[in-house]
Amino acid sequence: GVEHGSGSGLADSQVSNGKGIEVL
């Protein structure tokens, strides 16, 4: 979240149950 400039950071759920899982 910090590196990609989202301010509040990428939520844990987006990585573990959303975006991260989606790209797999």
mmCIF file of all heavy atoms, coordinates in Angstrom:
data_MODEL
# 
_entry.id   MODEL 
# 
loop_
_atom_site.group_PDB 
_atom_site.id 
_atom_site.type_symbol 
_atom_site.label_atom_id 
_atom_site.label_alt_id 
_atom_site.label_comp_id 
_atom_site.label_asym_id 
_atom_site.label_entity_id 
_atom_site.label_seq_id 
_atom_site.pdbx_PDB_ins_code 
_atom_site.Cartn_x 
_atom_site.Cartn_y 
_atom_site.Cartn_z 
_atom_site.occupancy 
_atom_site.B_iso_or_equiv 
_atom_site.pdbx_formal_charge 
_atom_site.auth_seq_id 
_atom_site.auth_comp_id 
_atom_site.auth_asym_id 
_atom_site.auth_atom_id 
_atom_site.pdbx_PDB_model_num 
ATOM 1   N N   . GLY A 1 1  ? 0.811   -1.205  0.000   1.00 0.00 ? 1  GLY A N   1 
ATOM 2   C CA  . GLY A 1 1  ? 0.000   0.000   0.000   1.00 0.00 ? 1  GLY A CA  1 
ATOM 3   C C   . GLY A 1 1  ? 0.845   1.256   0.000   1.00 0.00 ? 1  GLY A C   1 
ATOM 4   O O   . GLY A 1 1  ? 0.572   2.213   -0.724  1.00 0.00 ? 1  GLY A O   1 
ATOM 5   N N   . VAL A 1 2  ? 1.901   1.254   0.797   1.00 0.00 ? 2  VAL A N   1 
ATOM 6   C CA  . VAL A 1 2  ? 2.782   2.426   0.875   1.00 0.00 ? 2  VAL A CA  1 
ATOM 7   C C   . VAL A 1 2  ? 3.548   2.612   -0.422  1.00 0.00 ? 2  VAL A C   1 
ATOM 8   O O   . VAL A 1 2  ? 3.618   3.701   -0.988  1.00 0.00 ? 2  VAL A O   1 
ATOM 9   C CB  . VAL A 1 2  ? 3.757   2.280   2.065   1.00 0.00 ? 2  VAL A CB  1 
ATOM 10  C CG1 . VAL A 1 2  ? 4.794   3.397   2.029   1.00 0.00 ? 2  VAL A CG1 1 
ATOM 11  C CG2 . VAL A 1 2  ? 2.994   2.314   3.379   1.00 0.00 ? 2  VAL A CG2 1 
ATOM 12  N N   . GLU A 1 3  ? 4.134   1.529   -0.939  1.00 0.00 ? 3  GLU A N   1 
ATOM 13  C CA  . GLU A 1 3  ? 4.950   1.615   -2.140  1.00 0.00 ? 3  GLU A CA  1 
ATOM 14  C C   . GLU A 1 3  ? 4.142   2.024   -3.360  1.00 0.00 ? 3  GLU A C   1 
ATOM 15  O O   . GLU A 1 3  ? 4.629   2.717   -4.244  1.00 0.00 ? 3  GLU A O   1 
ATOM 16  C CB  . GLU A 1 3  ? 5.630   0.263   -2.411  1.00 0.00 ? 3  GLU A CB  1 
ATOM 17  C CG  . GLU A 1 3  ? 6.694   -0.074  -1.378  1.00 0.00 ? 3  GLU A CG  1 
ATOM 18  C CD  . GLU A 1 3  ? 7.223   -1.487  -1.552  1.00 0.00 ? 3  GLU A CD  1 
ATOM 19  O OE1 . GLU A 1 3  ? 6.798   -2.162  -2.522  1.00 0.00 ? 3  GLU A OE1 1 
ATOM 20  O OE2 . GLU A 1 3  ? 8.055   -1.903  -0.726  1.00 0.00 ? 3  GLU A OE2 1 
ATOM 21  N N   . HIS A 1 4  ? 2.871   1.599   -3.415  1.00 0.00 ? 4  HIS A N   1 
ATOM 22  C CA  . HIS A 1 4  ? 2.045   1.898   -4.579  1.00 0.00 ? 4  HIS A CA  1 
ATOM 23  C C   . HIS A 1 4  ? 1.195   3.150   -4.368  1.00 0.00 ? 4  HIS A C   1 
ATOM 24  O O   . HIS A 1 4  ? 0.319   3.439   -5.175  1.00 0.00 ? 4  HIS A O   1 
ATOM 25  C CB  . HIS A 1 4  ? 1.155   0.705   -4.907  1.00 0.00 ? 4  HIS A CB  1 
ATOM 26  C CG  . HIS A 1 4  ? 1.953   -0.485  -5.349  1.00 0.00 ? 4  HIS A CG  1 
ATOM 27  N ND1 . HIS A 1 4  ? 1.383   -1.706  -5.582  1.00 0.00 ? 4  HIS A ND1 1 
ATOM 28  C CD2 . HIS A 1 4  ? 3.275   -0.632  -5.606  1.00 0.00 ? 4  HIS A CD2 1 
ATOM 29  C CE1 . HIS A 1 4  ? 2.329   -2.570  -5.962  1.00 0.00 ? 4  HIS A CE1 1 
ATOM 30  N NE2 . HIS A 1 4  ? 3.470   -1.928  -5.971  1.00 0.00 ? 4  HIS A NE2 1 
ATOM 31  N N   . GLY A 1 5  ? 1.452   3.845   -3.270  1.00 0.00 ? 5  GLY A N   1 
ATOM 32  C CA  . GLY A 1 5  ? 0.843   5.139   -3.073  1.00 0.00 ? 5  GLY A CA  1 
ATOM 33  C C   . GLY A 1 5  ? -0.617  5.126   -2.724  1.00 0.00 ? 5  GLY A C   1 
ATOM 34  O O   . GLY A 1 5  ? -1.356  6.043   -3.071  1.00 0.00 ? 5  GLY A O   1 
ATOM 35  N N   . SER A 1 6  ? -1.076  4.106   -2.014  1.00 0.00 ? 6  SER A N   1 
ATOM 36  C CA  . SER A 1 6  ? -2.491  4.054   -1.655  1.00 0.00 ? 6  SER A CA  1 
ATOM 37  C C   . SER A 1 6  ? -2.775  4.754   -0.338  1.00 0.00 ? 6  SER A C   1 
ATOM 38  O O   . SER A 1 6  ? -3.907  4.815   0.095   1.00 0.00 ? 6  SER A O   1 
ATOM 39  C CB  . SER A 1 6  ? -2.961  2.599   -1.568  1.00 0.00 ? 6  SER A CB  1 
ATOM 40  O OG  . SER A 1 6  ? -2.332  1.947   -0.492  1.00 0.00 ? 6  SER A OG  1 
ATOM 41  N N   . GLY A 1 7  ? -1.725  5.252   0.296   1.00 0.00 ? 7  GLY A N   1 
ATOM 42  C CA  . GLY A 1 7  ? -1.924  6.014   1.520   1.00 0.00 ? 7  GLY A CA  1 
ATOM 43  C C   . GLY A 1 7  ? -2.139  5.143   2.731   1.00 0.00 ? 7  GLY A C   1 
ATOM 44  O O   . GLY A 1 7  ? -1.260  4.967   3.550   1.00 0.00 ? 7  GLY A O   1 
ATOM 45  N N   . SER A 1 8  ? -3.321  4.566   2.829   1.00 0.00 ? 8  SER A N   1 
ATOM 46  C CA  . SER A 1 8  ? -3.635  3.755   4.009   1.00 0.00 ? 8  SER A CA  1 
ATOM 47  C C   . SER A 1 8  ? -3.135  2.335   3.894   1.00 0.00 ? 8  SER A C   1 
ATOM 48  O O   . SER A 1 8  ? -3.246  1.559   4.829   1.00 0.00 ? 8  SER A O   1 
ATOM 49  C CB  . SER A 1 8  ? -5.169  3.721   4.208   1.00 0.00 ? 8  SER A CB  1 
ATOM 50  O OG  . SER A 1 8  ? -5.793  3.153   3.079   1.00 0.00 ? 8  SER A OG  1 
ATOM 51  N N   . GLY A 1 9  ? -2.579  2.004   2.741   1.00 0.00 ? 9  GLY A N   1 
ATOM 52  C CA  . GLY A 1 9  ? -2.033  0.658   2.563   1.00 0.00 ? 9  GLY A CA  1 
ATOM 53  C C   . GLY A 1 9  ? -3.062  -0.292  1.993   1.00 0.00 ? 9  GLY A C   1 
ATOM 54  O O   . GLY A 1 9  ? -4.262  -0.070  2.081   1.00 0.00 ? 9  GLY A O   1 
ATOM 55  N N   . LEU A 1 10 ? -2.579  -1.361  1.379   1.00 0.00 ? 10 LEU A N   1 
ATOM 56  C CA  . LEU A 1 10 ? -3.454  -2.382  0.820   1.00 0.00 ? 10 LEU A CA  1 
ATOM 57  C C   . LEU A 1 10 ? -3.951  -3.262  1.953   1.00 0.00 ? 10 LEU A C   1 
ATOM 58  O O   . LEU A 1 10 ? -3.170  -3.809  2.705   1.00 0.00 ? 10 LEU A O   1 
ATOM 59  C CB  . LEU A 1 10 ? -2.679  -3.220  -0.205  1.00 0.00 ? 10 LEU A CB  1 
ATOM 60  C CG  . LEU A 1 10 ? -3.443  -4.267  -1.006  1.00 0.00 ? 10 LEU A CG  1 
ATOM 61  C CD1 . LEU A 1 10 ? -4.485  -3.592  -1.886  1.00 0.00 ? 10 LEU A CD1 1 
ATOM 62  C CD2 . LEU A 1 10 ? -2.484  -5.077  -1.862  1.00 0.00 ? 10 LEU A CD2 1 
ATOM 63  N N   . ALA A 1 11 ? -5.256  -3.389  2.066   1.00 0.00 ? 11 ALA A N   1 
ATOM 64  C CA  . ALA A 1 11 ? -5.828  -4.152  3.189   1.00 0.00 ? 11 ALA A CA  1 
ATOM 65  C C   . ALA A 1 11 ? -5.391  -5.605  3.141   1.00 0.00 ? 11 ALA A C   1 
ATOM 66  O O   . ALA A 1 11 ? -5.209  -6.180  2.088   1.00 0.00 ? 11 ALA A O   1 
ATOM 67  C CB  . ALA A 1 11 ? -7.361  -4.067  3.133   1.00 0.00 ? 11 ALA A CB  1 
ATOM 68  N N   . ASP A 1 12 ? -5.243  -6.189  4.333   1.00 0.00 ? 12 ASP A N   1 
ATOM 69  C CA  . ASP A 1 12 ? -4.862  -7.601  4.415   1.00 0.00 ? 12 ASP A CA  1 
ATOM 70  C C   . ASP A 1 12 ? -5.803  -8.477  3.608   1.00 0.00 ? 12 ASP A C   1 
ATOM 71  O O   . ASP A 1 12 ? -5.387  -9.396  2.918   1.00 0.00 ? 12 ASP A O   1 
ATOM 72  C CB  . ASP A 1 12 ? -4.893  -8.066  5.876   1.00 0.00 ? 12 ASP A CB  1 
ATOM 73  C CG  . ASP A 1 12 ? -3.794  -7.428  6.693   1.00 0.00 ? 12 ASP A CG  1 
ATOM 74  O OD1 . ASP A 1 12 ? -2.996  -6.678  6.119   1.00 0.00 ? 12 ASP A OD1 1 
ATOM 75  O OD2 . ASP A 1 12 ? -3.755  -7.694  7.905   1.00 0.00 ? 12 ASP A OD2 1 
ATOM 76  N N   . SER A 1 13 ? -7.114  -8.195  3.726   1.00 0.00 ? 13 SER A N   1 
ATOM 77  C CA  . SER A 1 13 ? -8.090  -9.049  3.054   1.00 0.00 ? 13 SER A CA  1 
ATOM 78  C C   . SER A 1 13 ? -7.958  -8.975  1.544   1.00 0.00 ? 13 SER A C   1 
ATOM 79  O O   . SER A 1 13 ? -8.266  -9.932  0.840   1.00 0.00 ? 13 SER A O   1 
ATOM 80  C CB  . SER A 1 13 ? -9.512  -8.646  3.460   1.00 0.00 ? 13 SER A CB  1 
ATOM 81  O OG  . SER A 1 13 ? -9.757  -7.303  3.116   1.00 0.00 ? 13 SER A OG  1 
ATOM 82  N N   . GLN A 1 14 ? -7.496  -7.828  1.013   1.00 0.00 ? 14 GLN A N   1 
ATOM 83  C CA  . GLN A 1 14 ? -7.322  -7.707  -0.428  1.00 0.00 ? 14 GLN A CA  1 
ATOM 84  C C   . GLN A 1 14 ? -6.225  -8.632  -0.917  1.00 0.00 ? 14 GLN A C   1 
ATOM 85  O O   . GLN A 1 14 ? -6.280  -9.143  -2.023  1.00 0.00 ? 14 GLN A O   1 
ATOM 86  C CB  . GLN A 1 14 ? -6.974  -6.272  -0.812  1.00 0.00 ? 14 GLN A CB  1 
ATOM 87  C CG  . GLN A 1 14 ? -8.144  -5.299  -0.778  1.00 0.00 ? 14 GLN A CG  1 
ATOM 88  C CD  . GLN A 1 14 ? -7.710  -3.932  -1.210  1.00 0.00 ? 14 GLN A CD  1 
ATOM 89  O OE1 . GLN A 1 14 ? -7.102  -3.200  -0.438  1.00 0.00 ? 14 GLN A OE1 1 
ATOM 90  N NE2 . GLN A 1 14 ? -8.007  -3.591  -2.427  1.00 0.00 ? 14 GLN A NE2 1 
ATOM 91  N N   . VAL A 1 15 ? -5.208  -8.824  -0.105  1.00 0.00 ? 15 VAL A N   1 
ATOM 92  C CA  . VAL A 1 15 ? -4.102  -9.686  -0.500  1.00 0.00 ? 15 VAL A CA  1 
ATOM 93  C C   . VAL A 1 15 ? -4.447  -11.141 -0.287  1.00 0.00 ? 15 VAL A C   1 
ATOM 94  O O   . VAL A 1 15 ? -4.247  -11.985 -1.146  1.00 0.00 ? 15 VAL A O   1 
ATOM 95  C CB  . VAL A 1 15 ? -2.820  -9.319  0.278   1.00 0.00 ? 15 VAL A CB  1 
ATOM 96  C CG1 . VAL A 1 15 ? -1.702  -10.276 -0.073  1.00 0.00 ? 15 VAL A CG1 1 
ATOM 97  C CG2 . VAL A 1 15 ? -2.401  -7.891  -0.043  1.00 0.00 ? 15 VAL A CG2 1 
ATOM 98  N N   . SER A 1 16 ? -4.992  -11.477 0.883   1.00 0.00 ? 16 SER A N   1 
ATOM 99  C CA  . SER A 1 16 ? -5.192  -12.888 1.219   1.00 0.00 ? 16 SER A CA  1 
ATOM 100 C C   . SER A 1 16 ? -6.459  -13.472 0.627   1.00 0.00 ? 16 SER A C   1 
ATOM 101 O O   . SER A 1 16 ? -6.501  -14.653 0.318   1.00 0.00 ? 16 SER A O   1 
ATOM 102 C CB  . SER A 1 16 ? -5.222  -13.064 2.742   1.00 0.00 ? 16 SER A CB  1 
ATOM 103 O OG  . SER A 1 16 ? -6.266  -12.314 3.303   1.00 0.00 ? 16 SER A OG  1 
ATOM 104 N N   . ASN A 1 17 ? -7.506  -12.667 0.457   1.00 0.00 ? 17 ASN A N   1 
ATOM 105 C CA  . ASN A 1 17 ? -8.756  -13.216 -0.059  1.00 0.00 ? 17 ASN A CA  1 
ATOM 106 C C   . ASN A 1 17 ? -9.223  -12.536 -1.336  1.00 0.00 ? 17 ASN A C   1 
ATOM 107 O O   . ASN A 1 17 ? -10.210 -12.946 -1.915  1.00 0.00 ? 17 ASN A O   1 
ATOM 108 C CB  . ASN A 1 17 ? -9.884  -13.066 0.981   1.00 0.00 ? 17 ASN A CB  1 
ATOM 109 C CG  . ASN A 1 17 ? -9.695  -14.039 2.112   1.00 0.00 ? 17 ASN A CG  1 
ATOM 110 O OD1 . ASN A 1 17 ? -9.162  -15.103 1.926   1.00 0.00 ? 17 ASN A OD1 1 
ATOM 111 N ND2 . ASN A 1 17 ? -10.122 -13.650 3.298   1.00 0.00 ? 17 ASN A ND2 1 
ATOM 112 N N   . GLY A 1 18 ? -8.519  -11.510 -1.773  1.00 0.00 ? 18 GLY A N   1 
ATOM 113 C CA  . GLY A 1 18 ? -8.973  -10.771 -2.933  1.00 0.00 ? 18 GLY A CA  1 
ATOM 114 C C   . GLY A 1 18 ? -7.966  -10.693 -4.029  1.00 0.00 ? 18 GLY A C   1 
ATOM 115 O O   . GLY A 1 18 ? -7.793  -11.604 -4.818  1.00 0.00 ? 18 GLY A O   1 
ATOM 116 N N   . LYS A 1 19 ? -7.235  -9.583  -4.069  1.00 0.00 ? 19 LYS A N   1 
ATOM 117 C CA  . LYS A 1 19 ? -6.376  -9.325  -5.210  1.00 0.00 ? 19 LYS A CA  1 
ATOM 118 C C   . LYS A 1 19 ? -5.294  -10.379 -5.378  1.00 0.00 ? 19 LYS A C   1 
ATOM 119 O O   . LYS A 1 19 ? -5.031  -10.832 -6.489  1.00 0.00 ? 19 LYS A O   1 
ATOM 120 C CB  . LYS A 1 19 ? -5.735  -7.937  -5.065  1.00 0.00 ? 19 LYS A CB  1 
ATOM 121 C CG  . LYS A 1 19 ? -5.057  -7.470  -6.346  1.00 0.00 ? 19 LYS A CG  1 
ATOM 122 C CD  . LYS A 1 19 ? -4.755  -6.006  -6.258  1.00 0.00 ? 19 LYS A CD  1 
ATOM 123 C CE  . LYS A 1 19 ? -4.173  -5.482  -7.564  1.00 0.00 ? 19 LYS A CE  1 
ATOM 124 N NZ  . LYS A 1 19 ? -5.094  -5.610  -8.694  1.00 0.00 ? 19 LYS A NZ  1 
ATOM 125 N N   . GLY A 1 20 ? -4.666  -10.757 -4.285  1.00 0.00 ? 20 GLY A N   1 
ATOM 126 C CA  . GLY A 1 20 ? -3.603  -11.745 -4.403  1.00 0.00 ? 20 GLY A CA  1 
ATOM 127 C C   . GLY A 1 20 ? -4.116  -13.077 -4.908  1.00 0.00 ? 20 GLY A C   1 
ATOM 128 O O   . GLY A 1 20 ? -3.518  -13.687 -5.794  1.00 0.00 ? 20 GLY A O   1 
ATOM 129 N N   . ILE A 1 21 ? -5.241  -13.543 -4.375  1.00 0.00 ? 21 ILE A N   1 
ATOM 130 C CA  . ILE A 1 21 ? -5.808  -14.801 -4.820  1.00 0.00 ? 21 ILE A CA  1 
ATOM 131 C C   . ILE A 1 21 ? -6.300  -14.670 -6.253  1.00 0.00 ? 21 ILE A C   1 
ATOM 132 O O   . ILE A 1 21 ? -6.140  -15.569 -7.071  1.00 0.00 ? 21 ILE A O   1 
ATOM 133 C CB  . ILE A 1 21 ? -6.992  -15.217 -3.909  1.00 0.00 ? 21 ILE A CB  1 
ATOM 134 C CG1 . ILE A 1 21 ? -6.474  -15.571 -2.517  1.00 0.00 ? 21 ILE A CG1 1 
ATOM 135 C CG2 . ILE A 1 21 ? -7.771  -16.369 -4.507  1.00 0.00 ? 21 ILE A CG2 1 
ATOM 136 C CD1 . ILE A 1 21 ? -5.591  -16.807 -2.471  1.00 0.00 ? 21 ILE A CD1 1 
ATOM 137 N N   . GLU A 1 22 ? -6.870  -13.514 -6.605  1.00 0.00 ? 22 GLU A N   1 
ATOM 138 C CA  . GLU A 1 22 ? -7.434  -13.329 -7.937  1.00 0.00 ? 22 GLU A CA  1 
ATOM 139 C C   . GLU A 1 22 ? -6.392  -13.510 -9.032  1.00 0.00 ? 22 GLU A C   1 
ATOM 140 O O   . GLU A 1 22 ? -6.654  -14.149 -10.050 1.00 0.00 ? 22 GLU A O   1 
ATOM 141 C CB  . GLU A 1 22 ? -8.061  -11.934 -8.032  1.00 0.00 ? 22 GLU A CB  1 
ATOM 142 C CG  . GLU A 1 22 ? -8.688  -11.627 -9.379  1.00 0.00 ? 22 GLU A CG  1 
ATOM 143 C CD  . GLU A 1 22 ? -9.256  -10.229 -9.422  1.00 0.00 ? 22 GLU A CD  1 
ATOM 144 O OE1 . GLU A 1 22 ? -9.527  -9.652  -8.350  1.00 0.00 ? 22 GLU A OE1 1 
ATOM 145 O OE2 . GLU A 1 22 ? -9.429  -9.716  -10.539 1.00 0.00 ? 22 GLU A OE2 1 
ATOM 146 N N   . VAL A 1 23 ? -5.194  -12.978 -8.847  1.00 0.00 ? 23 VAL A N   1 
ATOM 147 C CA  . VAL A 1 23 ? -4.193  -13.071 -9.902  1.00 0.00 ? 23 VAL A CA  1 
ATOM 148 C C   . VAL A 1 23 ? -3.573  -14.457 -9.987  1.00 0.00 ? 23 VAL A C   1 
ATOM 149 O O   . VAL A 1 23 ? -2.861  -14.753 -10.937 1.00 0.00 ? 23 VAL A O   1 
ATOM 150 C CB  . VAL A 1 23 ? -3.068  -12.025 -9.723  1.00 0.00 ? 23 VAL A CB  1 
ATOM 151 C CG1 . VAL A 1 23 ? -3.606  -10.617 -9.824  1.00 0.00 ? 23 VAL A CG1 1 
ATOM 152 C CG2 . VAL A 1 23 ? -2.339  -12.218 -8.396  1.00 0.00 ? 23 VAL A CG2 1 
ATOM 153 N N   . LEU A 1 24 ? -3.876  -15.328 -9.021  1.00 0.00 ? 24 LEU A N   1 
ATOM 154 C CA  . LEU A 1 24 ? -3.360  -16.694 -9.085  1.00 0.00 ? 24 LEU A CA  1 
ATOM 155 C C   . LEU A 1 24 ? -4.271  -17.610 -9.864  1.00 0.00 ? 24 LEU A C   1 
ATOM 156 O O   . LEU A 1 24 ? -3.895  -18.721 -10.215 1.00 0.00 ? 24 LEU A O   1 
ATOM 157 C CB  . LEU A 1 24 ? -3.204  -17.256 -7.661  1.00 0.00 ? 24 LEU A CB  1 
ATOM 158 C CG  . LEU A 1 24 ? -2.117  -16.614 -6.809  1.00 0.00 ? 24 LEU A CG  1 
ATOM 159 C CD1 . LEU A 1 24 ? -2.162  -17.193 -5.415  1.00 0.00 ? 24 LEU A CD1 1 
ATOM 160 C CD2 . LEU A 1 24 ? -0.743  -16.808 -7.410  1.00 0.00 ? 24 LEU A CD2 1 
# 
